[in-house]
Amino acid sequence: MSWDLWIDYLRTDGEGLTHGSTHNAAPGVRLLVGQHVVVGNEDADPAVARVVSVGDDGVVLVAVLPGPVDGNRSLLCDQPATT
């Protein structure tokens, strides 16, 4: 399975949010606050995450939901718009 946003699951802050970058979004994906996206990397299973913020500097904060993508697939109906 591919992902909308590559993240390093270990890059979390004190609030439990995972840090990513708009530069690591899949081609054509626009990251919008409040929407759910599939996140992942080559070394871990993908997951669904809610976009919490997208900074002008390209820093993306997401809240990774527990469980596999299949368990949260219904949240993906609000996928980010693609260009």
N, C-alpha and C. Protein backbone atom coordinates (compact mmCIF):
# COMPACT_ATOMS: atom_id res chain seq x y z
N MET A 1 0.85 -1.19 0.00
CA MET A 1 0.00 0.00 0.00
C MET A 1 0.88 1.24 0.00
N SER A 2 0.48 2.22 -0.76
CA SER A 2 1.22 3.48 -0.77
C SER A 2 0.61 4.43 0.26
N TRP A 3 1.26 5.53 0.48
CA TRP A 3 0.78 6.49 1.46
C TRP A 3 0.69 7.87 0.84
N ASP A 4 -0.10 8.73 1.48
CA ASP A 4 -0.24 10.11 1.04
C ASP A 4 0.91 10.97 1.56
N LEU A 5 1.43 10.60 2.73
CA LEU A 5 2.49 11.38 3.38
C LEU A 5 3.49 10.44 4.02
N TRP A 6 4.75 10.55 3.62
CA TRP A 6 5.83 9.79 4.25
C TRP A 6 6.12 10.45 5.59
N ILE A 7 6.18 9.64 6.64
CA ILE A 7 6.56 10.17 7.96
C ILE A 7 7.50 9.19 8.64
N ASP A 8 8.25 9.73 9.59
CA ASP A 8 9.06 8.94 10.50
C ASP A 8 8.25 8.87 11.79
N TYR A 9 7.72 7.70 12.10
CA TYR A 9 6.84 7.55 13.26
C TYR A 9 7.50 7.95 14.57
N LEU A 10 8.83 8.01 14.61
CA LEU A 10 9.53 8.36 15.85
C LEU A 10 9.68 9.87 16.05
N ARG A 11 9.34 10.67 15.05
CA ARG A 11 9.46 12.13 15.17
C ARG A 11 8.19 12.71 15.78
N THR A 12 8.04 12.54 17.08
CA THR A 12 6.85 13.05 17.77
C THR A 12 7.26 14.14 18.76
N ASP A 13 6.28 14.96 19.08
CA ASP A 13 6.54 16.01 20.07
C ASP A 13 5.89 15.65 21.40
N GLY A 14 5.96 16.55 22.35
CA GLY A 14 5.42 16.30 23.69
C GLY A 14 3.92 16.11 23.73
N GLU A 15 3.22 16.54 22.69
CA GLU A 15 1.77 16.38 22.63
C GLU A 15 1.37 15.10 21.89
N GLY A 16 2.37 14.33 21.46
CA GLY A 16 2.09 13.09 20.75
C GLY A 16 1.83 13.25 19.27
N LEU A 17 2.06 14.44 18.74
CA LEU A 17 1.88 14.66 17.31
C LEU A 17 3.14 14.26 16.56
N THR A 18 2.94 13.69 15.39
CA THR A 18 4.06 13.26 14.56
C THR A 18 4.35 14.35 13.54
N HIS A 19 5.64 14.64 13.35
CA HIS A 19 6.07 15.71 12.45
C HIS A 19 6.40 15.14 11.08
N GLY A 20 5.94 15.83 10.05
CA GLY A 20 6.26 15.47 8.68
C GLY A 20 6.56 16.74 7.90
N SER A 21 6.64 16.60 6.58
CA SER A 21 6.94 17.74 5.72
C SER A 21 6.10 17.66 4.46
N THR A 22 5.65 18.82 3.99
CA THR A 22 4.90 18.85 2.74
C THR A 22 5.73 18.31 1.59
N HIS A 23 7.05 18.38 1.71
CA HIS A 23 7.93 17.86 0.67
C HIS A 23 7.83 16.34 0.56
N ASN A 24 7.33 15.69 1.60
CA ASN A 24 7.21 14.24 1.61
C ASN A 24 5.79 13.75 1.30
N ALA A 25 4.94 14.65 0.81
CA ALA A 25 3.60 14.24 0.37
C ALA A 25 3.71 13.59 -1.01
N ALA A 26 2.84 12.64 -1.27
CA ALA A 26 2.81 12.00 -2.58
C ALA A 26 2.46 13.05 -3.64
N PRO A 27 2.94 12.86 -4.85
CA PRO A 27 2.63 13.82 -5.92
C PRO A 27 1.13 14.02 -6.07
N GLY A 28 0.72 15.28 -6.13
CA GLY A 28 -0.67 15.62 -6.33
C GLY A 28 -1.51 15.71 -5.08
N VAL A 29 -0.94 15.36 -3.91
CA VAL A 29 -1.71 15.41 -2.66
C VAL A 29 -1.55 16.79 -2.03
N ARG A 30 -2.69 17.41 -1.73
CA ARG A 30 -2.69 18.66 -0.95
C ARG A 30 -3.08 18.29 0.46
N LEU A 31 -2.28 18.68 1.43
CA LEU A 31 -2.55 18.37 2.83
C LEU A 31 -3.37 19.49 3.44
N LEU A 32 -4.57 19.14 3.92
CA LEU A 32 -5.49 20.12 4.47
C LEU A 32 -5.81 19.78 5.92
N VAL A 33 -5.80 20.77 6.78
CA VAL A 33 -6.08 20.58 8.20
C VAL A 33 -7.45 19.94 8.39
N GLY A 34 -7.49 18.92 9.25
CA GLY A 34 -8.74 18.25 9.59
C GLY A 34 -9.03 17.02 8.76
N GLN A 35 -8.31 16.85 7.68
CA GLN A 35 -8.56 15.68 6.85
C GLN A 35 -7.70 14.51 7.29
N HIS A 36 -8.12 13.33 6.89
CA HIS A 36 -7.39 12.11 7.21
C HIS A 36 -6.63 11.63 5.99
N VAL A 37 -5.40 11.19 6.22
CA VAL A 37 -4.54 10.71 5.15
C VAL A 37 -3.88 9.41 5.59
N VAL A 38 -3.39 8.67 4.62
CA VAL A 38 -2.60 7.48 4.92
C VAL A 38 -1.15 7.92 5.04
N VAL A 39 -0.52 7.57 6.16
CA VAL A 39 0.88 7.90 6.41
C VAL A 39 1.68 6.61 6.52
N GLY A 40 2.97 6.72 6.30
CA GLY A 40 3.80 5.54 6.44
C GLY A 40 5.21 5.78 5.96
N ASN A 41 5.98 4.71 5.97
CA ASN A 41 7.34 4.72 5.44
C ASN A 41 7.72 3.30 5.07
N GLU A 42 8.91 3.14 4.53
CA GLU A 42 9.36 1.85 4.03
C GLU A 42 9.53 0.80 5.12
N ASP A 43 9.71 1.22 6.36
CA ASP A 43 10.04 0.30 7.45
C ASP A 43 8.91 0.01 8.41
N ALA A 44 7.71 0.52 8.13
CA ALA A 44 6.59 0.32 9.07
C ALA A 44 5.28 0.21 8.29
N ASP A 45 4.30 -0.37 8.93
CA ASP A 45 2.99 -0.49 8.32
C ASP A 45 2.34 0.89 8.20
N PRO A 46 1.58 1.12 7.14
CA PRO A 46 0.88 2.39 7.01
C PRO A 46 -0.22 2.52 8.06
N ALA A 47 -0.62 3.76 8.29
CA ALA A 47 -1.68 4.06 9.26
C ALA A 47 -2.47 5.25 8.75
N VAL A 48 -3.60 5.49 9.36
CA VAL A 48 -4.39 6.69 9.06
C VAL A 48 -4.04 7.75 10.10
N ALA A 49 -3.91 8.99 9.65
CA ALA A 49 -3.61 10.10 10.55
C ALA A 49 -4.48 11.29 10.18
N ARG A 50 -4.78 12.11 11.19
CA ARG A 50 -5.52 13.36 10.98
C ARG A 50 -4.51 14.49 10.89
N VAL A 51 -4.62 15.32 9.86
CA VAL A 51 -3.74 16.47 9.71
C VAL A 51 -4.17 17.53 10.72
N VAL A 52 -3.24 17.89 11.61
CA VAL A 52 -3.52 18.86 12.67
C VAL A 52 -3.11 20.26 12.24
N SER A 53 -1.97 20.38 11.58
CA SER A 53 -1.54 21.69 11.09
C SER A 53 -0.58 21.53 9.93
N VAL A 54 -0.56 22.56 9.10
CA VAL A 54 0.38 22.65 7.98
C VAL A 54 0.97 24.04 8.05
N GLY A 55 2.26 24.12 8.39
CA GLY A 55 2.90 25.42 8.55
C GLY A 55 3.37 26.01 7.24
N ASP A 56 3.55 27.33 7.24
CA ASP A 56 4.07 28.01 6.06
C ASP A 56 5.46 27.52 5.69
N ASP A 57 6.16 26.96 6.68
CA ASP A 57 7.50 26.43 6.45
C ASP A 57 7.48 24.99 5.93
N GLY A 58 6.28 24.42 5.73
CA GLY A 58 6.16 23.07 5.20
C GLY A 58 6.08 21.99 6.25
N VAL A 59 6.17 22.35 7.53
CA VAL A 59 6.07 21.35 8.60
C VAL A 59 4.60 20.94 8.75
N VAL A 60 4.38 19.63 8.74
CA VAL A 60 3.04 19.07 8.88
C VAL A 60 2.99 18.32 10.20
N LEU A 61 1.97 18.58 11.02
CA LEU A 61 1.76 17.83 12.25
C LEU A 61 0.53 16.96 12.06
N VAL A 62 0.69 15.67 12.38
CA VAL A 62 -0.42 14.73 12.25
C VAL A 62 -0.61 13.96 13.54
N ALA A 63 -1.84 13.56 13.78
CA ALA A 63 -2.18 12.68 14.90
C ALA A 63 -2.43 11.30 14.30
N VAL A 64 -1.50 10.39 14.52
CA VAL A 64 -1.62 9.03 13.97
C VAL A 64 -2.63 8.26 14.80
N LEU A 65 -3.59 7.66 14.13
CA LEU A 65 -4.63 6.88 14.81
C LEU A 65 -4.13 5.46 15.06
N PRO A 66 -4.55 4.86 16.15
CA PRO A 66 -4.12 3.48 16.43
C PRO A 66 -4.80 2.51 15.46
N GLY A 67 -4.11 1.42 15.20
CA GLY A 67 -4.68 0.36 14.37
C GLY A 67 -4.29 0.47 12.91
N PRO A 68 -4.63 -0.59 12.17
CA PRO A 68 -4.29 -0.63 10.75
C PRO A 68 -5.20 0.27 9.92
N VAL A 69 -4.79 0.52 8.69
CA VAL A 69 -5.58 1.35 7.78
C VAL A 69 -6.99 0.79 7.64
N ASP A 70 -7.13 -0.52 7.50
CA ASP A 70 -8.45 -1.10 7.30
C ASP A 70 -9.42 -0.75 8.42
N GLY A 71 -8.93 -0.63 9.63
CA GLY A 71 -9.79 -0.30 10.76
C GLY A 71 -10.25 1.15 10.77
N ASN A 72 -9.57 2.00 10.01
CA ASN A 72 -9.91 3.43 9.97
C ASN A 72 -10.26 3.90 8.56
N ARG A 73 -10.46 2.96 7.66
CA ARG A 73 -10.69 3.30 6.25
C ARG A 73 -11.88 4.24 6.05
N SER A 74 -12.90 4.12 6.89
CA SER A 74 -14.09 4.97 6.72
C SER A 74 -13.76 6.45 6.88
N LEU A 75 -12.68 6.78 7.57
CA LEU A 75 -12.28 8.17 7.75
C LEU A 75 -11.66 8.77 6.50
N LEU A 76 -11.27 7.91 5.58
CA LEU A 76 -10.57 8.37 4.38
C LEU A 76 -11.52 8.92 3.33
N CYS A 77 -12.81 8.95 3.62
CA CYS A 77 -13.76 9.53 2.66
C CYS A 77 -13.52 11.03 2.50
N ASP A 78 -12.79 11.63 3.45
CA ASP A 78 -12.47 13.06 3.35
C ASP A 78 -11.04 13.25 2.87
N GLN A 79 -10.61 12.40 1.94
CA GLN A 79 -9.25 12.49 1.41
C GLN A 79 -8.93 13.89 0.92
N PRO A 80 -7.68 14.31 1.07
CA PRO A 80 -7.27 15.62 0.56
C PRO A 80 -7.50 15.71 -0.94
N ALA A 81 -7.75 16.91 -1.37
CA ALA A 81 -7.91 17.14 -2.81
C ALA A 81 -6.60 16.89 -3.52
N THR A 82 -6.67 16.31 -4.69
CA THR A 82 -5.47 16.12 -5.50
C THR A 82 -5.47 17.15 -6.61
N THR A 83 -4.28 17.48 -7.06
CA THR A 83 -4.16 18.47 -8.13
C THR A 83 -4.04 17.80 -9.46
